[in-house]
Amino acid sequence: MKDRTIEKLLYKLGVLLVICGAAIRLLQLSENYLGLYLVLAGHMLAVVGIFIYMKHVNDREQERQAMQEPMQQLQNK
């Protein structure tokens, strides 16, 4: 079974960006929107990781159904 390190890396990087963005925004109260951009980027990375994982699960489900289909046809005969 393939380890899902890409999704884990995206989640960890997303969390790190959100934390850094929040810290920058709280510590630096100027009109600089860097903190908000980092928070947004972190959320976007997490969503991309979720989509990649959902695609992986969907592909596995389709493979499982494709393998079960011939077995059901043999059982019906």
Protein backbone atom coordinates (compact mmCIF):
# COMPACT_ATOMS: atom_id res chain seq x y z
CA MET A 1 0.00 0.00 0.00
CA LYS A 2 1.34 3.38 -0.98
CA ASP A 3 2.00 5.81 1.83
CA ARG A 4 0.04 9.03 1.36
CA THR A 5 2.93 11.40 2.14
CA ILE A 6 1.84 14.05 -0.36
CA GLU A 7 -1.40 14.70 1.48
CA LYS A 8 0.33 14.67 4.84
CA LEU A 9 2.92 17.13 3.59
CA LEU A 10 0.23 19.47 2.26
CA TYR A 11 -1.68 19.32 5.56
CA LYS A 12 1.44 20.03 7.62
CA LEU A 13 2.55 22.86 5.36
CA GLY A 14 -0.97 24.30 5.41
CA VAL A 15 -1.12 24.23 9.21
CA LEU A 16 2.32 25.84 9.40
CA LEU A 17 1.25 28.63 7.04
CA VAL A 18 -1.95 29.25 8.99
CA ILE A 19 -0.08 29.45 12.31
CA CYS A 20 2.64 31.71 10.89
CA GLY A 21 0.07 33.92 9.20
CA ALA A 22 -1.96 34.28 12.38
CA ALA A 23 1.17 35.09 14.39
CA ILE A 24 2.31 37.69 11.86
CA ARG A 25 -1.14 39.24 11.78
CA LEU A 26 -1.36 39.42 15.58
CA LEU A 27 2.17 40.69 16.16
CA GLN A 28 2.29 43.19 13.32
CA LEU A 29 -0.80 45.37 13.31
CA SER A 30 0.21 47.43 10.31
CA GLU A 31 -1.68 47.52 7.02
CA ASN A 32 0.45 44.69 5.67
CA TYR A 33 -1.76 41.79 4.60
CA LEU A 34 1.03 39.21 4.57
CA GLY A 35 -0.47 37.37 7.55
CA LEU A 36 -3.86 37.11 5.91
CA TYR A 37 -2.30 35.89 2.67
CA LEU A 38 -0.41 33.19 4.57
CA VAL A 39 -3.60 32.07 6.32
CA LEU A 40 -5.40 31.92 2.97
CA ALA A 41 -2.53 29.98 1.38
CA GLY A 42 -2.57 27.51 4.27
CA HIS A 43 -6.27 26.88 3.86
CA MET A 44 -5.86 26.44 0.11
CA LEU A 45 -3.09 23.86 0.59
CA ALA A 46 -5.25 21.92 3.01
CA VAL A 47 -8.16 21.91 0.54
CA VAL A 48 -5.83 20.69 -2.25
CA GLY A 49 -4.66 17.88 0.05
CA ILE A 50 -8.27 16.91 0.76
CA PHE A 51 -9.09 16.83 -2.96
CA ILE A 52 -6.06 14.66 -3.73
CA TYR A 53 -7.04 12.24 -0.97
CA MET A 54 -10.65 12.14 -2.20
CA LYS A 55 -9.41 11.30 -5.71
CA HIS A 56 -7.26 8.50 -4.29
CA VAL A 57 -10.19 7.02 -2.36
CA ASN A 58 -12.49 7.28 -5.39
CA ASP A 59 -9.93 5.50 -7.61
CA ARG A 60 -9.57 2.69 -5.07
CA GLU A 61 -13.35 2.31 -4.85
CA GLN A 62 -13.65 2.10 -8.64
CA GLU A 63 -10.90 -0.55 -8.78
CA ARG A 64 -12.66 -2.56 -6.07
CA GLN A 65 -15.97 -2.40 -7.93
CA ALA A 66 -14.31 -3.38 -11.20
CA MET A 67 -12.80 -6.46 -9.54
CA GLN A 68 -16.07 -7.46 -7.89
CA GLU A 69 -18.12 -7.19 -11.07
CA PRO A 70 -16.70 -10.30 -12.81
CA MET A 71 -17.01 -12.29 -9.59
CA GLN A 72 -20.70 -11.44 -9.33
CA GLN A 73 -21.25 -12.45 -12.95
CA LEU A 74 -19.67 -15.84 -12.27
CA GLN A 75 -21.81 -16.33 -9.17
CA ASN A 76 -24.99 -15.52 -11.14
CA LYS A 77 -24.27 -18.24 -13.74
